[in-house]
């Protein structure tokens, strides 16, 4: 640590001034008067040196104060920038947290919607298959009606032929007609069986499609309920987050 030798230096200088000034003062004013004059001059010189030293010290302190003031201003600017950066970072974190929450909610809701749409798609597939079966049933029904019409036509023709032909021809025609009628009845029976089976398959297909659509509606209702719960949760979170801000603003007024 550097020591201050200023008082010692001042004392030495005072002694030197007295020694050098003493002979000259004694020769001019006499012993008593010259000593007082020298002493007064020495005191004034000492006071002036002290004042100069104090002024120099005061200037140095003022300079240090100015430097400290500038450093404080720079620090305040830096603190303001850091505060803004912290606020922006927290806001970004809040934004990311909100996005994360929405993503988690979407992940919870998405499987329900996917299941509902999957069941609906399966329902449409079953309905399309049921329509195809219904179309096949209509074709089988048409075949049945065609055979039935052919059988009725054959019976009418048989009556007409029986009135127009003779007895011998009637016997031969009756045999041919019976064979034809028997064939038509067998074909009609087969057509009725095919039509009945096709109609049953069509009805089963429509029933399966109806059940699948009911399942899809139930899954969609479940998804809508979950969506409503998420909306209520988000609304509650928004109100709770805005509540302290409103209260703070009210207090500042």
Protein backbone atom coordinates (compact mmCIF):
# COMPACT_ATOMS: atom_id res chain seq x y z
CA UNK A 1 0.00 0.00 0.00
CA UNK A 2 1.40 3.45 -0.99
CA UNK A 3 1.79 5.87 1.97
CA UNK A 4 1.13 9.59 1.81
CA UNK A 5 4.35 11.60 2.55
CA UNK A 6 2.84 14.96 1.66
CA UNK A 7 2.92 16.45 5.26
CA UNK A 8 6.57 15.48 5.67
CA UNK A 9 7.45 17.01 2.32
CA UNK A 10 5.62 20.21 3.21
CA UNK A 11 7.49 20.44 6.51
CA UNK A 12 10.84 19.98 4.80
CA UNK A 13 9.98 22.65 2.23
CA UNK A 14 8.94 25.03 5.03
CA UNK A 15 12.23 24.53 6.83
CA UNK A 16 14.19 25.18 3.63
CA UNK A 17 12.24 28.34 2.95
CA UNK A 18 12.89 29.59 6.51
CA UNK A 19 16.61 28.81 6.30
CA UNK A 20 17.08 30.52 2.93
CA UNK A 21 14.92 33.51 3.80
CA UNK A 22 16.19 34.09 7.34
CA UNK A 23 19.51 35.90 6.56
CA UNK A 24 17.93 38.19 3.98
CA UNK A 25 15.00 39.08 6.26
CA UNK A 26 17.32 39.75 9.23
CA UNK A 27 19.51 42.10 7.18
CA UNK A 28 16.49 44.07 5.93
CA UNK A 29 14.07 44.31 8.88
CA UNK A 30 15.82 43.31 11.94
CA UNK A 31 15.68 40.08 13.90
CA UNK A 32 12.19 40.28 15.35
CA UNK A 33 10.22 41.70 12.39
CA UNK A 34 11.83 39.53 9.75
CA UNK A 35 10.95 36.34 11.65
CA UNK A 36 7.26 37.16 11.81
CA UNK A 37 7.16 38.04 8.13
CA UNK A 38 8.81 34.81 7.16
CA UNK A 39 6.50 32.83 9.37
CA UNK A 40 3.44 34.47 7.83
CA UNK A 41 4.71 33.84 4.34
CA UNK A 42 5.43 30.23 5.19
CA UNK A 43 1.94 29.78 6.59
CA UNK A 44 0.37 31.35 3.51
CA UNK A 45 2.46 29.16 1.25
CA UNK A 46 1.45 26.11 3.22
CA UNK A 47 -2.24 27.06 3.05
CA UNK A 48 -2.00 27.65 -0.70
CA UNK A 49 -0.30 24.29 -1.22
CA UNK A 50 -2.96 22.57 0.87
CA UNK A 51 -5.70 24.32 -1.08
CA UNK A 52 -4.09 23.32 -4.37
CA UNK A 53 -3.72 19.73 -3.16
CA UNK A 54 -7.32 19.65 -1.95
CA UNK A 55 -8.54 21.17 -5.24
CA UNK A 56 -6.57 18.55 -7.15
CA UNK A 57 -8.06 15.83 -4.96
CA UNK A 58 -11.52 17.32 -5.44
CA UNK A 59 -11.06 17.34 -9.22
CA UNK A 60 -9.93 13.72 -9.11
CA UNK A 61 -12.93 12.75 -7.00
CA UNK A 62 -15.27 14.62 -9.38
CA UNK A 63 -13.70 12.77 -12.29
CA UNK A 64 -14.18 9.46 -10.48
CA UNK A 65 -17.81 10.41 -9.77
CA UNK A 66 -18.37 11.15 -13.46
CA UNK A 67 -16.80 7.84 -14.42
CA UNK A 68 -18.94 6.02 -11.88
CA UNK A 69 -22.03 7.80 -13.18
CA UNK A 70 -21.23 6.74 -16.74
CA UNK A 71 -20.60 3.19 -15.56
CA UNK A 72 -23.94 3.18 -13.75
CA UNK A 73 -25.72 4.42 -16.87
CA UNK A 74 -24.06 1.70 -18.95
CA UNK A 75 -24.98 -0.87 -16.32
CA UNK A 76 -28.59 0.32 -16.28
CA UNK A 77 -28.73 0.02 -20.08
CA UNK A 78 -27.26 -3.47 -19.85
CA UNK A 79 -29.70 -4.42 -17.10
CA UNK A 80 -32.58 -3.10 -19.21
CA UNK A 81 -31.44 -5.18 -22.18
CA UNK A 82 -31.07 -8.25 -19.98
CA UNK A 83 -34.51 -7.61 -18.47
CA UNK A 84 -36.05 -7.36 -21.93
CA UNK A 85 -34.25 -10.54 -22.98
CA UNK A 86 -35.55 -12.33 -19.88
CA UNK A 87 -39.10 -11.12 -20.54
CA UNK A 88 -38.90 -12.22 -24.19
CA UNK A 89 -37.48 -15.59 -23.18
CA UNK A 90 -40.23 -16.16 -20.62
CA UNK A 91 -42.85 -15.12 -23.16
CA UNK A 92 -41.36 -17.56 -25.65
CA UNK A 93 -41.34 -20.29 -23.01
CA UNK A 94 -44.99 -19.57 -22.25
CA UNK A 95 -45.76 -19.73 -25.95
CA UNK A 96 -43.94 -23.06 -26.28
CA UNK A 97 -45.73 -24.36 -23.19
CA UNK A 98 -49.05 -23.35 -24.73
CA UNK A 99 -48.15 -25.06 -28.00
CA UNK A 100 -47.05 -28.16 -26.09
CA UNK A 101 -50.37 -28.20 -24.23
CA UNK A 102 -52.33 -27.92 -27.50
CA UNK A 103 -50.21 -30.68 -29.05
CA UNK A 104 -50.85 -32.95 -26.07
CA UNK A 105 -54.57 -32.19 -26.30
CA UNK A 106 -54.52 -32.92 -30.02
CA UNK A 107 -52.72 -36.19 -29.34
CA UNK A 108 -55.49 -37.08 -26.89
CA UNK A 109 -58.24 -36.02 -29.27
CA UNK A 110 -56.78 -37.33 -32.53
CA UNK A 111 -57.16 -41.07 -31.80
CA UNK A 112 -60.85 -40.52 -30.99
CA UNK A 113 -61.42 -38.69 -34.26
CA UNK A 114 -59.43 -41.28 -36.18
CA UNK A 115 -61.49 -44.07 -34.62
CA UNK A 116 -64.73 -42.28 -35.50
CA UNK A 117 -63.64 -41.69 -39.10
CA UNK A 118 -62.33 -45.26 -39.35
CA UNK A 119 -65.68 -46.67 -38.23
CA UNK A 120 -67.49 -44.34 -40.60
CA UNK A 121 -65.28 -45.48 -43.50
CA UNK A 122 -65.94 -49.11 -42.57
CA UNK A 123 -69.65 -48.29 -42.45
CA UNK A 124 -69.53 -46.86 -45.96
CA UNK A 125 -67.64 -49.93 -47.16
CA UNK A 126 -70.30 -52.16 -45.65
CA UNK A 127 -73.03 -49.98 -47.10
CA UNK A 128 -71.41 -50.18 -50.52
CA UNK A 129 -71.20 -53.96 -50.16
CA UNK A 130 -74.84 -54.06 -49.02
CA UNK A 131 -75.85 -52.05 -52.09
CA UNK A 132 -74.02 -54.55 -54.29
CA UNK A 133 -75.81 -57.39 -52.54
CA UNK A 134 -79.11 -55.57 -52.91
CA UNK A 135 -78.40 -55.15 -56.62
CA UNK A 136 -77.67 -58.88 -56.90
CA UNK A 137 -80.88 -59.61 -55.00
CA UNK A 138 -82.82 -57.46 -57.46
CA UNK A 139 -81.26 -59.35 -60.36
CA UNK A 140 -82.17 -62.65 -58.75
CA UNK A 141 -85.68 -61.32 -58.15
CA UNK A 142 -85.91 -60.35 -61.80
CA UNK A 143 -84.83 -63.84 -62.83
CA UNK A 144 -87.46 -65.26 -60.53
CA UNK A 145 -90.11 -62.99 -62.03
CA UNK A 146 -88.95 -63.90 -65.54
CA UNK A 147 -89.36 -67.60 -64.80
CA UNK A 148 -92.70 -66.92 -63.12
CA UNK A 149 -93.88 -64.95 -66.14
CA UNK A 150 -92.66 -67.71 -68.43
CA UNK A 151 -94.54 -70.29 -66.38
CA UNK A 152 -97.75 -68.24 -66.46
CA UNK A 153 -97.35 -67.72 -70.19
CA UNK A 154 -96.84 -71.44 -70.67
CA UNK A 155 -99.98 -72.22 -68.70
CA UNK A 156 -101.99 -69.74 -70.78
CA UNK A 157 -100.57 -71.20 -73.96
CA UNK A 158 -101.47 -74.67 -72.74
CA UNK A 159 -105.09 -73.66 -72.32
CA UNK A 160 -105.17 -72.11 -75.76
CA UNK A 161 -103.55 -75.12 -77.40
CA UNK A 162 -105.98 -77.48 -75.70
CA UNK A 163 -108.95 -75.69 -77.25
CA UNK A 164 -107.52 -75.46 -80.79
CA UNK A 165 -106.00 -78.92 -81.41
CA UNK A 166 -107.62 -82.33 -81.77
CA UNK A 167 -107.63 -85.14 -79.30
CA UNK A 168 -104.55 -86.98 -80.66
CA UNK A 169 -102.61 -83.77 -81.03
CA UNK A 170 -103.83 -82.71 -77.60
CA UNK A 171 -102.30 -85.80 -76.01
CA UNK A 172 -98.94 -85.16 -77.70
CA UNK A 173 -99.08 -81.44 -76.89
CA UNK A 174 -100.07 -82.18 -73.34
CA UNK A 175 -96.97 -84.34 -72.88
CA UNK A 176 -94.70 -81.66 -74.32
CA UNK A 177 -96.42 -78.95 -72.32
CA UNK A 178 -96.13 -80.90 -69.09
CA UNK A 179 -92.40 -81.39 -69.65
CA UNK A 180 -91.97 -77.73 -70.38
CA UNK A 181 -94.07 -76.74 -67.39
CA UNK A 182 -92.09 -79.07 -65.16
CA UNK A 183 -88.82 -77.54 -66.35
CA UNK A 184 -90.16 -74.02 -65.80
CA UNK A 185 -91.30 -74.89 -62.28
CA UNK A 186 -87.89 -76.35 -61.42
CA UNK A 187 -86.20 -73.23 -62.76
CA UNK A 188 -88.64 -71.01 -60.92
CA UNK A 189 -87.96 -72.83 -57.67
CA UNK A 190 -84.24 -72.44 -58.11
CA UNK A 191 -84.70 -68.76 -58.97
CA UNK A 192 -86.85 -68.26 -55.86
CA UNK A 193 -84.18 -69.89 -53.70
CA UNK A 194 -81.45 -67.74 -55.23
CA UNK A 195 -83.57 -64.61 -54.85
CA UNK A 196 -84.41 -65.39 -51.24
CA UNK A 197 -80.76 -66.06 -50.39
CA UNK A 198 -79.60 -62.91 -52.14
CA UNK A 199 -82.25 -60.87 -50.35
CA UNK A 200 -81.15 -62.26 -46.98
CA UNK A 201 -77.53 -61.36 -47.74
CA UNK A 202 -78.56 -57.85 -48.75
CA UNK A 203 -80.52 -57.40 -45.52
CA UNK A 204 -77.58 -58.71 -43.47
CA UNK A 205 -75.28 -56.30 -45.29
CA UNK A 206 -77.57 -53.35 -44.57
CA UNK A 207 -77.82 -54.41 -40.93
CA UNK A 208 -74.02 -54.66 -40.60
CA UNK A 209 -73.62 -51.21 -42.20
CA UNK A 210 -76.23 -49.78 -39.83
CA UNK A 211 -74.43 -51.22 -36.78
CA UNK A 212 -71.12 -49.83 -38.01
CA UNK A 213 -72.61 -46.38 -38.51
CA UNK A 214 -74.03 -46.49 -34.97
CA UNK A 215 -70.55 -47.29 -33.68
CA UNK A 216 -69.14 -44.42 -35.74
CA UNK A 217 -71.73 -42.03 -34.32
CA UNK A 218 -70.88 -43.14 -30.77
CA UNK A 219 -67.16 -42.62 -31.43
CA UNK A 220 -67.84 -39.19 -32.95
CA UNK A 221 -69.92 -38.24 -29.90
CA UNK A 222 -67.04 -39.31 -27.66
CA UNK A 223 -64.65 -37.15 -29.68
CA UNK A 224 -67.01 -34.18 -29.47
CA UNK A 225 -67.29 -34.62 -25.70
CA UNK A 226 -63.51 -34.66 -25.39
CA UNK A 227 -63.31 -31.56 -27.57
CA UNK A 228 -65.78 -29.79 -25.29
CA UNK A 229 -63.75 -30.78 -22.21
CA UNK A 230 -60.57 -29.43 -23.82
CA UNK A 231 -62.33 -26.18 -24.71
CA UNK A 232 -63.57 -25.80 -21.15
CA UNK A 233 -60.10 -26.52 -19.79
CA UNK A 234 -58.50 -23.94 -22.11
CA UNK A 235 -61.13 -21.37 -21.18
CA UNK A 236 -60.51 -21.94 -17.46
CA UNK A 237 -56.75 -21.67 -17.96
CA UNK A 238 -57.16 -18.42 -19.88
CA UNK A 239 -59.35 -16.91 -17.17
CA UNK A 240 -56.93 -17.94 -14.41
CA UNK A 241 -53.98 -16.49 -16.32
CA UNK A 242 -55.76 -13.20 -16.97
CA UNK A 243 -57.10 -12.87 -13.40
CA UNK A 244 -53.84 -11.76 -11.67
CA UNK A 245 -53.10 -9.31 -14.48
CA UNK A 246 -56.48 -7.60 -14.04
CA UNK A 247 -56.02 -7.50 -10.27
CA UNK A 248 -52.58 -5.96 -10.62
CA UNK A 249 -53.86 -3.31 -13.01
CA UNK A 250 -56.64 -2.49 -10.54
CA UNK A 251 -54.17 -2.09 -7.69
CA UNK A 252 -51.96 0.27 -9.70
CA UNK A 253 -54.89 2.59 -10.21
